[in-house]
Amino acid sequence: MKTTIVLTYTFTPAWLALSREERNAMAATHIQPVFAKYADRVPARFFDAEAFTTAFSDFALLETEDLQAYYFLIEELRDSPLIAQGYLVMNDIFMGIEAGFHAFEAQTGAGGREVPRG
């Protein structure tokens, strides 16, 4: 089943103190290659949020059927200077399965009858 993941994160003042050229170079060297390595199994979209919330500055939307690839992607990000040197702090991770009940009903035959809720 395909899992959708929302990663919320905040760029720190140390990141903002870098010039845009330095930020772009770091992203090109340490971040883009990680996402490219897993793009066939964990496609990602990136969103700016700092103008709309104070809870985090950005978020990413990822989808995968391969949770191991997702986990490895996160491990590689954690080892990157972006996180290891304190330029980015992960806030929250939300995971869900879109309409997962359809797969449940199809596999278990539970569709059309009352499923006990406990």
N, C-alpha and C. Protein backbone atom coordinates (compact mmCIF):
# COMPACT_ATOMS: atom_id res chain seq x y z
N MET A 1 0.84 -1.19 0.00
CA MET A 1 0.00 0.00 0.00
C MET A 1 0.88 1.24 0.00
N LYS A 2 0.42 2.25 -0.68
CA LYS A 2 1.17 3.50 -0.76
C LYS A 2 0.96 4.31 0.51
N THR A 3 2.09 4.74 1.09
CA THR A 3 2.07 5.58 2.28
C THR A 3 2.43 7.01 1.88
N THR A 4 1.67 7.96 2.41
CA THR A 4 1.97 9.37 2.21
C THR A 4 2.57 9.90 3.50
N ILE A 5 3.65 10.65 3.37
CA ILE A 5 4.38 11.17 4.53
C ILE A 5 4.49 12.69 4.40
N VAL A 6 4.16 13.38 5.46
CA VAL A 6 4.35 14.82 5.54
C VAL A 6 5.45 15.08 6.55
N LEU A 7 6.56 15.66 6.09
CA LEU A 7 7.66 16.04 6.97
C LEU A 7 7.58 17.54 7.19
N THR A 8 7.48 17.97 8.42
CA THR A 8 7.56 19.41 8.69
C THR A 8 8.92 19.69 9.30
N TYR A 9 9.52 20.79 8.88
CA TYR A 9 10.86 21.12 9.34
C TYR A 9 11.05 22.63 9.35
N THR A 10 12.08 23.04 10.09
CA THR A 10 12.38 24.46 10.24
C THR A 10 13.85 24.70 9.92
N PHE A 11 14.10 25.66 9.05
CA PHE A 11 15.47 26.10 8.81
C PHE A 11 15.85 27.04 9.94
N THR A 12 17.04 26.85 10.49
CA THR A 12 17.49 27.59 11.67
C THR A 12 18.11 28.93 11.26
N PRO A 13 18.32 29.83 12.24
CA PRO A 13 19.00 31.08 11.93
C PRO A 13 20.39 30.87 11.32
N ALA A 14 21.07 29.78 11.68
CA ALA A 14 22.39 29.50 11.08
C ALA A 14 22.26 29.32 9.56
N TRP A 15 21.21 28.67 9.12
CA TRP A 15 20.96 28.49 7.68
C TRP A 15 20.67 29.85 7.04
N LEU A 16 19.83 30.61 7.67
CA LEU A 16 19.45 31.91 7.11
C LEU A 16 20.61 32.88 7.07
N ALA A 17 21.60 32.66 7.94
CA ALA A 17 22.79 33.52 7.94
C ALA A 17 23.71 33.24 6.75
N LEU A 18 23.57 32.07 6.15
CA LEU A 18 24.37 31.77 4.95
C LEU A 18 23.85 32.59 3.77
N SER A 19 24.73 32.89 2.85
CA SER A 19 24.26 33.58 1.64
C SER A 19 23.41 32.61 0.82
N ARG A 20 22.61 33.14 -0.07
CA ARG A 20 21.80 32.27 -0.92
C ARG A 20 22.68 31.37 -1.77
N GLU A 21 23.83 31.86 -2.18
CA GLU A 21 24.76 31.04 -2.96
C GLU A 21 25.26 29.86 -2.13
N GLU A 22 25.58 30.11 -0.84
CA GLU A 22 26.04 29.03 0.04
C GLU A 22 24.93 28.01 0.28
N ARG A 23 23.72 28.48 0.47
CA ARG A 23 22.58 27.58 0.67
C ARG A 23 22.36 26.72 -0.57
N ASN A 24 22.37 27.35 -1.73
CA ASN A 24 22.16 26.61 -2.97
C ASN A 24 23.26 25.58 -3.21
N ALA A 25 24.50 25.95 -2.89
CA ALA A 25 25.61 25.01 -3.06
C ALA A 25 25.47 23.82 -2.11
N MET A 26 25.08 24.08 -0.87
CA MET A 26 24.91 23.00 0.10
C MET A 26 23.77 22.07 -0.34
N ALA A 27 22.68 22.65 -0.78
CA ALA A 27 21.56 21.83 -1.26
C ALA A 27 21.97 20.99 -2.45
N ALA A 28 22.69 21.58 -3.38
CA ALA A 28 23.12 20.85 -4.59
C ALA A 28 24.10 19.74 -4.26
N THR A 29 24.92 19.95 -3.25
CA THR A 29 25.95 18.97 -2.89
C THR A 29 25.44 17.88 -1.96
N HIS A 30 24.60 18.25 -0.99
CA HIS A 30 24.26 17.31 0.08
C HIS A 30 22.80 16.87 0.13
N ILE A 31 21.89 17.63 -0.45
CA ILE A 31 20.47 17.32 -0.30
C ILE A 31 19.88 16.76 -1.59
N GLN A 32 20.05 17.47 -2.68
CA GLN A 32 19.47 17.02 -3.94
C GLN A 32 19.94 15.62 -4.34
N PRO A 33 21.22 15.28 -4.15
CA PRO A 33 21.63 13.91 -4.49
C PRO A 33 20.93 12.83 -3.66
N VAL A 34 20.63 13.12 -2.41
CA VAL A 34 19.94 12.14 -1.57
C VAL A 34 18.53 11.91 -2.10
N PHE A 35 17.81 12.98 -2.38
CA PHE A 35 16.45 12.82 -2.90
C PHE A 35 16.47 12.20 -4.29
N ALA A 36 17.46 12.53 -5.10
CA ALA A 36 17.57 11.93 -6.44
C ALA A 36 17.81 10.43 -6.34
N LYS A 37 18.62 10.01 -5.38
CA LYS A 37 18.93 8.59 -5.20
C LYS A 37 17.68 7.76 -4.94
N TYR A 38 16.71 8.33 -4.25
CA TYR A 38 15.50 7.61 -3.87
C TYR A 38 14.26 8.04 -4.68
N ALA A 39 14.42 8.90 -5.65
CA ALA A 39 13.28 9.49 -6.37
C ALA A 39 12.38 8.46 -7.02
N ASP A 40 12.94 7.34 -7.45
CA ASP A 40 12.12 6.32 -8.10
C ASP A 40 11.24 5.57 -7.10
N ARG A 41 11.60 5.60 -5.80
CA ARG A 41 10.84 4.89 -4.78
C ARG A 41 10.17 5.81 -3.77
N VAL A 42 10.69 7.05 -3.66
CA VAL A 42 10.15 8.00 -2.68
C VAL A 42 10.10 9.39 -3.33
N PRO A 43 9.18 9.60 -4.25
CA PRO A 43 9.10 10.93 -4.85
C PRO A 43 8.71 11.97 -3.79
N ALA A 44 9.24 13.17 -3.95
CA ALA A 44 9.03 14.22 -2.94
C ALA A 44 8.64 15.53 -3.62
N ARG A 45 7.78 16.26 -2.92
CA ARG A 45 7.42 17.64 -3.31
C ARG A 45 7.70 18.51 -2.10
N PHE A 46 8.14 19.75 -2.36
CA PHE A 46 8.58 20.64 -1.28
C PHE A 46 7.75 21.92 -1.27
N PHE A 47 7.42 22.38 -0.05
CA PHE A 47 6.53 23.53 0.11
C PHE A 47 7.11 24.50 1.13
N ASP A 48 6.99 25.79 0.84
CA ASP A 48 7.35 26.84 1.80
C ASP A 48 6.12 27.15 2.64
N ALA A 49 6.32 27.34 3.93
CA ALA A 49 5.19 27.60 4.81
C ALA A 49 5.42 28.75 5.77
N GLU A 50 6.63 29.33 5.77
CA GLU A 50 6.96 30.32 6.79
C GLU A 50 6.05 31.54 6.80
N ALA A 51 5.41 31.85 5.69
CA ALA A 51 4.51 33.00 5.65
C ALA A 51 3.11 32.66 6.17
N PHE A 52 2.88 31.36 6.48
CA PHE A 52 1.53 30.92 6.83
C PHE A 52 1.40 30.28 8.20
N THR A 53 2.54 29.94 8.82
CA THR A 53 2.52 29.32 10.15
C THR A 53 3.84 29.62 10.85
N THR A 54 3.78 29.60 12.18
CA THR A 54 5.02 29.74 12.95
C THR A 54 5.48 28.39 13.51
N ALA A 55 4.72 27.33 13.23
CA ALA A 55 5.05 26.01 13.76
C ALA A 55 6.25 25.38 13.04
N PHE A 56 6.45 25.71 11.77
CA PHE A 56 7.55 25.20 10.97
C PHE A 56 7.72 26.12 9.77
N SER A 57 8.88 26.04 9.12
CA SER A 57 9.11 26.93 7.99
C SER A 57 8.80 26.29 6.65
N ASP A 58 8.88 24.97 6.58
CA ASP A 58 8.69 24.27 5.32
C ASP A 58 8.11 22.89 5.59
N PHE A 59 7.60 22.26 4.53
CA PHE A 59 7.22 20.87 4.64
C PHE A 59 7.42 20.17 3.32
N ALA A 60 7.57 18.86 3.41
CA ALA A 60 7.74 18.02 2.23
C ALA A 60 6.64 16.97 2.24
N LEU A 61 6.16 16.65 1.06
CA LEU A 61 5.16 15.61 0.88
C LEU A 61 5.81 14.48 0.09
N LEU A 62 5.91 13.31 0.71
CA LEU A 62 6.54 12.15 0.09
C LEU A 62 5.51 11.04 -0.03
N GLU A 63 5.68 10.19 -1.04
CA GLU A 63 4.83 9.02 -1.19
C GLU A 63 5.72 7.82 -1.47
N THR A 64 5.35 6.68 -0.88
CA THR A 64 6.16 5.49 -1.12
C THR A 64 5.37 4.23 -0.82
N GLU A 65 5.76 3.17 -1.47
CA GLU A 65 5.32 1.82 -1.12
C GLU A 65 6.50 1.06 -0.52
N ASP A 66 7.62 1.74 -0.36
CA ASP A 66 8.86 1.13 0.11
C ASP A 66 9.35 1.88 1.36
N LEU A 67 8.86 1.47 2.53
CA LEU A 67 9.21 2.18 3.76
C LEU A 67 10.69 2.05 4.08
N GLN A 68 11.34 0.99 3.63
CA GLN A 68 12.79 0.88 3.84
C GLN A 68 13.51 1.98 3.08
N ALA A 69 13.14 2.24 1.84
CA ALA A 69 13.77 3.32 1.07
C ALA A 69 13.52 4.66 1.75
N TYR A 70 12.30 4.89 2.24
CA TYR A 70 12.00 6.13 2.97
C TYR A 70 12.91 6.24 4.20
N TYR A 71 13.02 5.16 4.97
CA TYR A 71 13.85 5.18 6.17
C TYR A 71 15.31 5.49 5.83
N PHE A 72 15.82 4.85 4.79
CA PHE A 72 17.20 5.09 4.39
C PHE A 72 17.41 6.53 3.93
N LEU A 73 16.43 7.09 3.22
CA LEU A 73 16.50 8.49 2.80
C LEU A 73 16.64 9.40 4.03
N ILE A 74 15.82 9.15 5.04
CA ILE A 74 15.87 9.97 6.26
C ILE A 74 17.21 9.81 6.96
N GLU A 75 17.73 8.59 7.02
CA GLU A 75 19.04 8.38 7.64
C GLU A 75 20.13 9.17 6.91
N GLU A 76 20.09 9.16 5.58
CA GLU A 76 21.09 9.91 4.82
C GLU A 76 20.94 11.41 5.04
N LEU A 77 19.72 11.89 5.15
CA LEU A 77 19.52 13.32 5.46
C LEU A 77 20.08 13.66 6.84
N ARG A 78 19.86 12.78 7.80
CA ARG A 78 20.36 13.03 9.16
C ARG A 78 21.87 13.09 9.19
N ASP A 79 22.52 12.34 8.31
CA ASP A 79 23.98 12.35 8.24
C ASP A 79 24.52 13.53 7.44
N SER A 80 23.66 14.23 6.75
CA SER A 80 24.10 15.36 5.92
C SER A 80 24.41 16.57 6.80
N PRO A 81 25.23 17.49 6.31
CA PRO A 81 25.52 18.71 7.07
C PRO A 81 24.27 19.54 7.38
N LEU A 82 23.26 19.41 6.56
CA LEU A 82 22.04 20.18 6.78
C LEU A 82 21.49 19.94 8.18
N ILE A 83 21.42 18.68 8.58
CA ILE A 83 20.91 18.35 9.91
C ILE A 83 22.05 18.22 10.91
N ALA A 84 23.12 17.55 10.52
CA ALA A 84 24.23 17.29 11.45
C ALA A 84 24.88 18.57 11.97
N GLN A 85 24.87 19.62 11.16
CA GLN A 85 25.47 20.88 11.58
C GLN A 85 24.44 21.91 12.03
N GLY A 86 23.18 21.47 12.19
CA GLY A 86 22.18 22.32 12.80
C GLY A 86 21.53 23.36 11.91
N TYR A 87 21.53 23.15 10.61
CA TYR A 87 20.88 24.10 9.71
C TYR A 87 19.38 23.84 9.58
N LEU A 88 18.97 22.63 9.90
CA LEU A 88 17.57 22.26 9.77
C LEU A 88 17.17 21.38 10.95
N VAL A 89 15.98 21.63 11.47
CA VAL A 89 15.42 20.83 12.55
C VAL A 89 14.13 20.21 12.05
N MET A 90 14.05 18.88 12.16
CA MET A 90 12.80 18.20 11.81
C MET A 90 11.80 18.46 12.93
N ASN A 91 10.58 18.80 12.57
CA ASN A 91 9.55 19.05 13.56
C ASN A 91 8.65 17.83 13.76
N ASP A 92 7.76 17.60 12.83
CA ASP A 92 6.81 16.50 12.94
C ASP A 92 6.82 15.68 11.66
N ILE A 93 6.47 14.42 11.81
CA ILE A 93 6.29 13.52 10.68
C ILE A 93 4.91 12.92 10.81
N PHE A 94 4.10 13.09 9.76
CA PHE A 94 2.76 12.51 9.72
C PHE A 94 2.74 11.48 8.60
N MET A 95 2.19 10.32 8.88
CA MET A 95 2.11 9.27 7.87
C MET A 95 0.67 8.77 7.80
N GLY A 96 0.25 8.43 6.60
CA GLY A 96 -1.08 7.88 6.43
C GLY A 96 -1.19 7.11 5.14
N ILE A 97 -2.26 6.33 5.06
CA ILE A 97 -2.56 5.55 3.87
C ILE A 97 -3.87 6.06 3.32
N GLU A 98 -3.82 6.58 2.11
CA GLU A 98 -5.01 7.14 1.50
C GLU A 98 -6.05 6.04 1.28
N ALA A 99 -7.24 6.27 1.82
CA ALA A 99 -8.37 5.35 1.68
C ALA A 99 -7.97 3.90 1.97
N GLY A 100 -7.18 3.70 3.01
CA GLY A 100 -6.71 2.37 3.38
C GLY A 100 -7.84 1.40 3.65
N PHE A 101 -8.99 1.90 4.03
CA PHE A 101 -10.11 1.01 4.32
C PHE A 101 -10.57 0.27 3.07
N HIS A 102 -10.34 0.86 1.88
CA HIS A 102 -10.71 0.15 0.65
C HIS A 102 -9.88 -1.13 0.50
N ALA A 103 -8.57 -1.03 0.74
CA ALA A 103 -7.71 -2.20 0.66
C ALA A 103 -8.11 -3.23 1.71
N PHE A 104 -8.42 -2.75 2.90
CA PHE A 104 -8.86 -3.65 3.97
C PHE A 104 -10.11 -4.41 3.55
N GLU A 105 -11.10 -3.68 3.04
CA GLU A 105 -12.36 -4.32 2.64
C GLU A 105 -12.14 -5.30 1.49
N ALA A 106 -11.30 -4.92 0.53
CA ALA A 106 -11.05 -5.81 -0.61
C ALA A 106 -10.35 -7.09 -0.17
N GLN A 107 -9.41 -6.98 0.75
CA GLN A 107 -8.64 -8.15 1.17
C GLN A 107 -9.38 -9.02 2.16
N THR A 108 -10.20 -8.41 3.00
CA THR A 108 -10.86 -9.18 4.05
C THR A 108 -12.31 -9.52 3.74
N GLY A 109 -12.86 -8.91 2.69
CA GLY A 109 -14.25 -9.11 2.40
C GLY A 109 -15.16 -8.40 3.37
N ALA A 110 -14.64 -7.44 4.10
CA ALA A 110 -15.43 -6.74 5.12
C ALA A 110 -16.36 -5.70 4.53
N GLY A 111 -16.23 -5.40 3.25
CA GLY A 111 -17.09 -4.39 2.64
C GLY A 111 -18.54 -4.80 2.67
N GLY A 112 -19.39 -3.84 2.97
CA GLY A 112 -20.82 -4.09 2.94
C GLY A 112 -21.39 -4.71 4.20
N ARG A 113 -20.55 -4.98 5.18
CA ARG A 113 -21.08 -5.48 6.44
C ARG A 113 -20.46 -4.69 7.58
N GLU A 114 -21.12 -4.74 8.68
CA GLU A 114 -20.66 -3.98 9.86
C GLU A 114 -19.36 -4.58 10.38
N VAL A 115 -18.36 -3.76 10.55
CA VAL A 115 -17.09 -4.17 11.13
C VAL A 115 -17.11 -3.78 12.60
N PRO A 116 -16.86 -4.75 13.50
CA PRO A 116 -16.86 -4.41 14.94
C PRO A 116 -15.85 -3.32 15.25
N ARG A 117 -16.24 -2.38 16.05
CA ARG A 117 -15.36 -1.30 16.47
C ARG A 117 -15.16 -1.44 17.98
N GLY A 118 -13.92 -1.30 18.38
CA GLY A 118 -13.68 -1.57 19.78
C GLY A 118 -13.12 -0.46 20.49
